[in-house]
Amino acid sequence: MVNMLRQDSQDAPLFGEDDGDIRQRKSNIRHPLASFFHVFFRTSAILVYLLCDIFSSSFIACMVTIILLLSCDFWTVKNVSGRLLVGLRWWNQVDKDGKSHWVFESRKTHSRNATSGAESRIFWLGLIVCPLFWIVFVFSTIFSFKIKWLAVVIMGFVLQWANLYGYVRCKVGGKSNLRDMAKDYLGVQLFKQVLKKSEEP
């Protein structure tokens, strides 16, 4: 597989980097529907999984509901909320020779549709936190021997981590080594802390 990159800037804030730049951005939520559904589908899938035994005795109904919510979440995050909230998108395309290409895009620096700091925080928080729940669900399903739920929780894990991986690759410029990105981020944060302490009287 070949990775392609169409990235002109690091325009969308990631995790909490560069607080000065975030403060300069508009803090209001300009896409309320996209922000709502970015969180709604993924949290709903988690809640249905946790509470399905209380409200329904039908495993099939619960499984279908969770799969539909996960599918809606994957489509919404990949095609709508990522583009509107943080100016990022990714997809896979197959060329004439049958080769698969991963394409990563980010909004240009001088785009009129500047990224909102509030929307960016909503996007990255939802994108990062929810997949962690599915990791816990996978292990809890295995250790509690609830094998019938294993396919469902694995699907939740794969779909949500696919979006997380794709958008992190968009943000870091399609770098192949995400470990280096994490080290760079931690180094920047440590450097900021050192500067703050040195400025104190």
Protein backbone atom coordinates (compact mmCIF):
# COMPACT_ATOMS: atom_id res chain seq x y z
CA MET A 1 0.00 0.00 0.00
CA VAL A 2 1.15 3.52 -0.80
CA ASN A 3 0.58 6.55 1.42
CA MET A 4 -0.23 9.85 -0.28
CA LEU A 5 -0.23 13.20 1.49
CA ARG A 6 -2.01 16.40 0.55
CA GLN A 7 -1.21 18.55 3.54
CA ASP A 8 -0.34 22.25 3.31
CA SER A 9 -0.31 23.10 7.01
CA GLN A 10 -0.71 21.95 10.57
CA ASP A 11 -3.98 23.89 10.89
CA ALA A 12 -5.98 21.75 13.32
CA PRO A 13 -4.89 21.67 16.99
CA LEU A 14 -4.11 18.21 18.31
CA PHE A 15 -4.61 17.14 21.95
CA GLY A 16 -3.83 20.58 23.44
CA GLU A 17 -0.76 21.68 21.61
CA ASP A 18 0.15 25.33 21.25
CA ASP A 19 -2.34 26.98 23.58
CA GLY A 20 -1.46 30.39 22.18
CA ASP A 21 -2.66 29.41 18.72
CA ILE A 22 -5.86 27.92 20.15
CA ARG A 23 -6.71 31.13 22.01
CA GLN A 24 -6.41 33.03 18.75
CA ARG A 25 -9.03 30.83 17.12
CA LYS A 26 -12.75 31.36 17.47
CA SER A 27 -13.96 29.55 20.54
CA ASN A 28 -17.59 29.26 19.47
CA ILE A 29 -19.10 26.12 17.98
CA ARG A 30 -19.91 26.92 14.36
CA HIS A 31 -21.11 23.42 13.42
CA PRO A 32 -23.41 22.32 16.27
CA LEU A 33 -25.00 19.43 14.38
CA ALA A 34 -21.66 17.99 13.30
CA SER A 35 -20.33 18.39 16.85
CA PHE A 36 -23.41 16.72 18.32
CA PHE A 37 -23.43 13.70 16.02
CA HIS A 38 -19.65 13.35 16.31
CA VAL A 39 -20.22 12.49 19.98
CA PHE A 40 -23.76 11.07 19.83
CA PHE A 41 -23.25 7.92 17.75
CA ARG A 42 -20.11 6.71 19.52
CA THR A 43 -21.36 7.39 23.04
CA SER A 44 -24.73 5.84 22.18
CA ALA A 45 -23.03 2.64 21.00
CA ILE A 46 -21.13 2.44 24.30
CA LEU A 47 -24.26 3.09 26.38
CA VAL A 48 -26.31 0.52 24.46
CA TYR A 49 -23.58 -2.07 25.00
CA LEU A 50 -23.45 -1.34 28.74
CA LEU A 51 -27.21 -1.18 29.32
CA CYS A 52 -28.64 -3.61 26.76
CA ASP A 53 -29.03 -6.41 29.30
CA ILE A 54 -31.18 -4.13 31.46
CA PHE A 55 -33.54 -2.84 28.78
CA SER A 56 -33.70 -5.82 26.42
CA SER A 57 -33.36 -9.59 26.62
CA SER A 58 -32.79 -9.93 22.87
CA PHE A 59 -29.11 -10.28 21.99
CA ILE A 60 -29.85 -9.90 18.27
CA ALA A 61 -31.66 -6.59 18.74
CA CYS A 62 -28.84 -5.21 20.89
CA MET A 63 -26.17 -6.40 18.48
CA VAL A 64 -27.90 -4.89 15.44
CA THR A 65 -28.45 -1.58 17.26
CA ILE A 66 -24.79 -1.35 18.29
CA ILE A 67 -23.54 -2.23 14.81
CA LEU A 68 -25.81 0.40 13.23
CA LEU A 69 -24.60 3.04 15.68
CA LEU A 70 -20.96 2.10 15.06
CA SER A 71 -21.48 2.23 11.29
CA CYS A 72 -23.19 5.63 11.48
CA ASP A 73 -20.38 6.87 13.71
CA PHE A 74 -17.66 5.65 11.35
CA TRP A 75 -19.30 7.32 8.33
CA THR A 76 -20.05 10.56 10.19
CA VAL A 77 -16.57 10.97 11.66
CA LYS A 78 -14.77 10.00 8.46
CA ASN A 79 -16.85 12.03 6.01
CA VAL A 80 -18.45 14.89 7.94
CA SER A 81 -17.15 15.87 11.37
CA GLY A 82 -13.45 15.55 10.54
CA ARG A 83 -13.78 17.85 7.55
CA LEU A 84 -15.99 20.43 9.27
CA LEU A 85 -14.56 20.49 12.80
CA VAL A 86 -10.81 20.22 12.20
CA GLY A 87 -10.33 20.50 8.44
CA LEU A 88 -8.94 16.97 8.04
CA ARG A 89 -9.99 13.99 5.98
CA TRP A 90 -8.60 10.68 4.82
CA TRP A 91 -9.66 7.92 2.48
CA ASN A 92 -8.45 4.94 0.51
CA GLN A 93 -8.50 4.76 -3.26
CA VAL A 94 -7.52 2.10 -5.79
CA ASP A 95 -5.73 3.14 -8.97
CA LYS A 96 -5.98 1.62 -12.44
CA ASP A 97 -3.29 -0.91 -11.61
CA GLY A 98 -5.25 -2.18 -8.62
CA LYS A 99 -2.87 -0.65 -6.06
CA SER A 100 -4.31 0.74 -2.85
CA HIS A 101 -3.44 4.34 -1.89
CA TRP A 102 -4.12 6.00 1.47
CA VAL A 103 -4.73 9.72 1.02
CA PHE A 104 -4.49 12.23 3.89
CA GLU A 105 -5.61 15.86 3.56
CA SER A 106 -5.67 18.92 5.77
CA ARG A 107 -7.09 22.40 5.32
CA LYS A 108 -4.77 25.10 3.97
CA THR A 109 -3.26 27.61 6.37
CA HIS A 110 -5.02 30.66 4.95
CA SER A 111 -8.42 29.06 4.52
CA ARG A 112 -11.33 31.33 5.37
CA ASN A 113 -12.95 28.52 7.35
CA ALA A 114 -10.60 28.71 10.31
CA THR A 115 -10.78 25.86 12.77
CA SER A 116 -12.64 26.59 16.00
CA GLY A 117 -10.72 25.71 19.16
CA ALA A 118 -13.90 24.47 20.88
CA GLU A 119 -14.80 22.23 17.95
CA SER A 120 -11.26 20.87 17.76
CA ARG A 121 -11.33 19.91 21.43
CA ILE A 122 -14.71 18.19 21.00
CA PHE A 123 -13.43 16.32 17.95
CA TRP A 124 -10.15 15.06 19.44
CA LEU A 125 -11.65 14.28 22.85
CA GLY A 126 -14.40 12.15 21.32
CA LEU A 127 -11.99 10.55 18.87
CA ILE A 128 -9.48 9.52 21.54
CA VAL A 129 -11.57 8.67 24.61
CA CYS A 130 -14.25 6.42 23.11
CA PRO A 131 -11.88 3.86 21.52
CA LEU A 132 -10.33 3.33 24.95
CA PHE A 133 -13.68 2.02 26.18
CA TRP A 134 -13.73 -0.59 23.40
CA ILE A 135 -10.27 -1.80 24.42
CA VAL A 136 -11.62 -2.34 27.93
CA PHE A 137 -14.69 -4.08 26.51
CA VAL A 138 -12.55 -6.47 24.44
CA PHE A 139 -10.57 -7.61 27.48
CA SER A 140 -13.60 -7.75 29.77
CA THR A 141 -15.47 -9.85 27.21
CA ILE A 142 -12.58 -12.30 26.96
CA PHE A 143 -12.00 -12.61 30.70
CA SER A 144 -15.71 -12.88 31.53
CA PHE A 145 -16.20 -15.53 28.80
CA LYS A 146 -18.98 -13.56 27.08
CA ILE A 147 -17.87 -14.91 23.73
CA LYS A 148 -21.12 -13.97 21.97
CA TRP A 149 -20.20 -10.28 22.40
CA LEU A 150 -16.64 -10.67 21.15
CA ALA A 151 -17.41 -9.93 17.49
CA VAL A 152 -19.35 -6.79 18.47
CA VAL A 153 -16.64 -5.31 20.69
CA ILE A 154 -13.92 -6.13 18.17
CA MET A 155 -15.94 -4.31 15.50
CA GLY A 156 -16.28 -1.30 17.80
CA PHE A 157 -12.54 -1.38 18.46
CA VAL A 158 -11.58 -1.67 14.78
CA LEU A 159 -13.97 0.98 13.42
CA GLN A 160 -13.17 3.62 16.01
CA TRP A 161 -9.43 3.00 16.02
CA ALA A 162 -9.40 3.16 12.21
CA ASN A 163 -10.73 6.72 12.34
CA LEU A 164 -8.34 7.65 15.14
CA TYR A 165 -5.37 6.29 13.20
CA GLY A 166 -6.44 8.00 9.98
CA TYR A 167 -6.86 11.42 11.57
CA VAL A 168 -3.64 11.24 13.55
CA ARG A 169 -1.86 10.40 10.30
CA CYS A 170 -3.54 13.44 8.72
CA LYS A 171 -2.44 15.65 11.58
CA VAL A 172 1.20 14.56 11.68
CA GLY A 173 1.61 14.74 7.91
CA GLY A 174 1.30 11.06 7.06
CA LYS A 175 4.41 10.13 9.04
CA SER A 176 4.95 6.41 9.15
CA ASN A 177 6.31 6.41 12.71
CA LEU A 178 3.69 7.65 15.17
CA ARG A 179 6.00 6.85 18.09
CA ASP A 180 8.33 9.63 16.93
CA MET A 181 5.36 12.02 16.84
CA ALA A 182 4.44 11.15 20.42
CA LYS A 183 8.04 11.70 21.55
CA ASP A 184 8.15 15.07 19.79
CA TYR A 185 4.89 16.13 21.41
CA LEU A 186 6.09 15.16 24.90
CA GLY A 187 9.36 16.96 24.27
CA VAL A 188 7.54 20.17 23.30
CA GLN A 189 5.35 20.01 26.41
CA LEU A 190 8.39 19.41 28.64
CA PHE A 191 10.20 22.33 27.02
CA LYS A 192 7.20 24.60 27.69
CA GLN A 193 7.16 23.60 31.35
CA VAL A 194 10.87 24.36 31.67
CA LEU A 195 10.40 27.78 30.10
CA LYS A 196 7.50 28.60 32.42
CA LYS A 197 9.55 27.69 35.49
CA SER A 198 12.54 29.69 34.29
CA GLU A 199 10.33 32.78 33.81
CA GLU A 200 9.00 32.59 37.37
CA PRO A 201 10.69 34.99 39.85
